[in-house]
Amino acid sequence: MFDEPAARKILEARQQLRTEAALPPLDIDAELRTMREQAERQDAHRTFEDWKANNPDLVKAIREQALNELRAKRNEPDWRPTGVLSGGGWSFHLMVEKRLRAASEGL
């Protein structure tokens, strides 16, 4: 949750430092907007991670479904994602995360 009064205090302190360092002042509204957007992204990420933690069976099912699809596509029944780039691990992770996000938003 975004705490605007606390954010304003932080920005006032930063503004004072910038004045002392002879730097141009901050655009307070733009800084507040940026801080609010960051807080909202963090809240959304926490909510998604909480959803995954509360739905381990669904997470496992989605992961297994994606794994089986890739195995069939590659015609390698024992394929497992290994490595970040060359082993397909990162692309597999992104595929699963995308499906998990879609599932979490659909419920």
C-alpha atoms as a PDB file:
ATOM      1  CA  MET A   1       0.000   0.000   0.000  1.00  0.00           C
ATOM      2  CA  PHE A   2       1.294   3.435  -0.925  1.00  0.00           C
ATOM      3  CA  ASP A   3       1.798   5.852   1.985  1.00  0.00           C
ATOM      4  CA  GLU A   4       1.731   9.312   0.402  1.00  0.00           C
ATOM      5  CA  PRO A   5       2.582  11.300   3.563  1.00  0.00           C
ATOM      6  CA  ALA A   6       5.664   9.134   4.143  1.00  0.00           C
ATOM      7  CA  ALA A   7       6.617   9.461   0.477  1.00  0.00           C
ATOM      8  CA  ARG A   8       6.308  13.255   0.689  1.00  0.00           C
ATOM      9  CA  LYS A   9       8.654  13.295   3.714  1.00  0.00           C
ATOM     10  CA  ILE A  10      11.201  11.257   1.779  1.00  0.00           C
ATOM     11  CA  LEU A  11      10.905  13.592  -1.194  1.00  0.00           C
ATOM     12  CA  GLU A  12      11.260  16.657   1.045  1.00  0.00           C
ATOM     13  CA  ALA A  13      14.511  15.218   2.420  1.00  0.00           C
ATOM     14  CA  ARG A  14      15.746  14.470  -1.102  1.00  0.00           C
ATOM     15  CA  GLN A  15      14.753  17.967  -2.189  1.00  0.00           C
ATOM     16  CA  GLN A  16      16.773  19.461   0.674  1.00  0.00           C
ATOM     17  CA  LEU A  17      19.842  17.408  -0.301  1.00  0.00           C
ATOM     18  CA  ARG A  18      19.478  18.496  -3.921  1.00  0.00           C
ATOM     19  CA  THR A  19      19.262  22.148  -2.855  1.00  0.00           C
ATOM     20  CA  GLU A  20      22.401  21.794  -0.742  1.00  0.00           C
ATOM     21  CA  ALA A  21      24.206  20.136  -3.656  1.00  0.00           C
ATOM     22  CA  ALA A  22      23.075  22.889  -6.056  1.00  0.00           C
ATOM     23  CA  LEU A  23      21.104  20.400  -8.153  1.00  0.00           C
ATOM     24  CA  PRO A  24      17.824  21.229  -9.869  1.00  0.00           C
ATOM     25  CA  PRO A  25      14.704  20.508  -7.834  1.00  0.00           C
ATOM     26  CA  LEU A  26      12.663  17.362  -8.235  1.00  0.00           C
ATOM     27  CA  ASP A  27       9.242  17.373  -9.861  1.00  0.00           C
ATOM     28  CA  ILE A  28       7.361  16.266  -6.755  1.00  0.00           C
ATOM     29  CA  ASP A  29       4.221  15.180  -8.620  1.00  0.00           C
ATOM     30  CA  ALA A  30       6.228  13.083 -11.079  1.00  0.00           C
ATOM     31  CA  GLU A  31       8.251  11.517  -8.246  1.00  0.00           C
ATOM     32  CA  LEU A  32       5.080  10.696  -6.297  1.00  0.00           C
ATOM     33  CA  ARG A  33       3.557   9.139  -9.406  1.00  0.00           C
ATOM     34  CA  THR A  34       6.669   6.993  -9.906  1.00  0.00           C
ATOM     35  CA  MET A  35       6.695   5.926  -6.261  1.00  0.00           C
ATOM     36  CA  ARG A  36       2.965   5.077  -6.355  1.00  0.00           C
ATOM     37  CA  GLU A  37       3.374   3.026  -9.557  1.00  0.00           C
ATOM     38  CA  GLN A  38       6.310   1.121  -8.041  1.00  0.00           C
ATOM     39  CA  ALA A  39       4.295   0.383  -4.893  1.00  0.00           C
ATOM     40  CA  GLU A  40       1.395  -0.872  -7.014  1.00  0.00           C
ATOM     41  CA  ARG A  41       3.725  -3.171  -8.991  1.00  0.00           C
ATOM     42  CA  GLN A  42       5.162  -4.545  -5.748  1.00  0.00           C
ATOM     43  CA  ASP A  43       1.669  -5.123  -4.358  1.00  0.00           C
ATOM     44  CA  ALA A  44       0.595  -6.913  -7.544  1.00  0.00           C
ATOM     45  CA  HIS A  45       3.714  -9.101  -7.451  1.00  0.00           C
ATOM     46  CA  ARG A  46       3.125  -9.968  -3.789  1.00  0.00           C
ATOM     47  CA  THR A  47      -0.508 -10.791  -4.547  1.00  0.00           C
ATOM     48  CA  PHE A  48       0.539 -13.090  -7.405  1.00  0.00           C
ATOM     49  CA  GLU A  49       3.192 -14.816  -5.281  1.00  0.00           C
ATOM     50  CA  ASP A  50       0.637 -15.273  -2.483  1.00  0.00           C
ATOM     51  CA  TRP A  51      -1.821 -16.752  -5.005  1.00  0.00           C
ATOM     52  CA  LYS A  52       0.831 -19.234  -6.174  1.00  0.00           C
ATOM     53  CA  ALA A  53       1.645 -20.192  -2.585  1.00  0.00           C
ATOM     54  CA  ASN A  54      -2.052 -20.797  -1.860  1.00  0.00           C
ATOM     55  CA  ASN A  55      -2.630 -22.883  -5.018  1.00  0.00           C
ATOM     56  CA  PRO A  56       0.264 -25.361  -5.174  1.00  0.00           C
ATOM     57  CA  ASP A  57      -1.792 -28.095  -6.862  1.00  0.00           C
ATOM     58  CA  LEU A  58      -2.863 -25.767  -9.670  1.00  0.00           C
ATOM     59  CA  VAL A  59       0.680 -24.443 -10.067  1.00  0.00           C
ATOM     60  CA  LYS A  60       1.959 -28.004 -10.349  1.00  0.00           C
ATOM     61  CA  ALA A  61      -0.753 -28.956 -12.865  1.00  0.00           C
ATOM     62  CA  ILE A  62      -0.017 -25.944 -15.072  1.00  0.00           C
ATOM     63  CA  ARG A  63       3.712 -26.632 -14.933  1.00  0.00           C
ATOM     64  CA  GLU A  64       3.206 -30.307 -15.807  1.00  0.00           C
ATOM     65  CA  GLN A  65       0.853 -29.443 -18.681  1.00  0.00           C
ATOM     66  CA  ALA A  66       3.429 -27.044 -20.153  1.00  0.00           C
ATOM     67  CA  LEU A  67       6.170 -29.625 -19.665  1.00  0.00           C
ATOM     68  CA  ASN A  68       4.142 -32.322 -21.432  1.00  0.00           C
ATOM     69  CA  GLU A  69       3.349 -29.980 -24.333  1.00  0.00           C
ATOM     70  CA  LEU A  70       7.016 -29.156 -24.833  1.00  0.00           C
ATOM     71  CA  ARG A  71       8.004 -32.812 -24.584  1.00  0.00           C
ATOM     72  CA  ALA A  72       5.483 -33.718 -27.267  1.00  0.00           C
ATOM     73  CA  LYS A  73       6.532 -30.805 -29.466  1.00  0.00           C
ATOM     74  CA  ARG A  74      10.213 -31.742 -29.184  1.00  0.00           C
ATOM     75  CA  ASN A  75       9.429 -35.459 -29.456  1.00  0.00           C
ATOM     76  CA  GLU A  76      11.545 -36.016 -26.325  1.00  0.00           C
ATOM     77  CA  PRO A  77       9.439 -37.720 -23.623  1.00  0.00           C
ATOM     78  CA  ASP A  78      12.112 -37.263 -20.939  1.00  0.00           C
ATOM     79  CA  TRP A  79      13.027 -33.647 -21.745  1.00  0.00           C
ATOM     80  CA  ARG A  80      13.554 -31.364 -18.755  1.00  0.00           C
ATOM     81  CA  PRO A  81      14.381 -27.677 -18.806  1.00  0.00           C
ATOM     82  CA  THR A  82      18.033 -27.256 -17.938  1.00  0.00           C
ATOM     83  CA  GLY A  83      20.207 -24.203 -18.012  1.00  0.00           C
ATOM     84  CA  VAL A  84      18.952 -20.692 -18.367  1.00  0.00           C
ATOM     85  CA  LEU A  85      19.433 -20.125 -22.073  1.00  0.00           C
ATOM     86  CA  SER A  86      20.633 -23.147 -23.985  1.00  0.00           C
ATOM     87  CA  GLY A  87      18.670 -25.685 -21.947  1.00  0.00           C
ATOM     88  CA  GLY A  88      15.322 -23.945 -22.359  1.00  0.00           C
ATOM     89  CA  GLY A  89      14.920 -23.258 -18.651  1.00  0.00           C
ATOM     90  CA  TRP A  90      14.220 -19.541 -18.925  1.00  0.00           C
ATOM     91  CA  SER A  91      11.739 -19.832 -21.785  1.00  0.00           C
ATOM     92  CA  PHE A  92       9.970 -22.663 -19.966  1.00  0.00           C
ATOM     93  CA  HIS A  93       9.806 -20.567 -16.783  1.00  0.00           C
ATOM     94  CA  LEU A  94       8.337 -17.628 -18.695  1.00  0.00           C
ATOM     95  CA  MET A  95       5.781 -19.882 -20.386  1.00  0.00           C
ATOM     96  CA  VAL A  96       4.646 -21.253 -17.025  1.00  0.00           C
ATOM     97  CA  GLU A  97       4.559 -17.811 -15.371  1.00  0.00           C
ATOM     98  CA  LYS A  98       2.428 -16.421 -18.209  1.00  0.00           C
ATOM     99  CA  ARG A  99      -0.063 -19.270 -17.818  1.00  0.00           C
ATOM    100  CA  LEU A 100      -0.084 -18.882 -14.050  1.00  0.00           C
ATOM    101  CA  ARG A 101      -0.786 -15.161 -14.322  1.00  0.00           C
ATOM    102  CA  ALA A 102      -3.650 -15.856 -16.717  1.00  0.00           C
ATOM    103  CA  ALA A 103      -5.052 -18.439 -14.307  1.00  0.00           C
ATOM    104  CA  SER A 104      -4.716 -16.123 -11.307  1.00  0.00           C
ATOM    105  CA  GLU A 105      -6.524 -13.317 -13.117  1.00  0.00           C
ATOM    106  CA  GLY A 106      -9.281 -15.648 -14.311  1.00  0.00           C
ATOM    107  CA  LEU A 107     -10.253 -16.753 -10.807  1.00  0.00           C
END
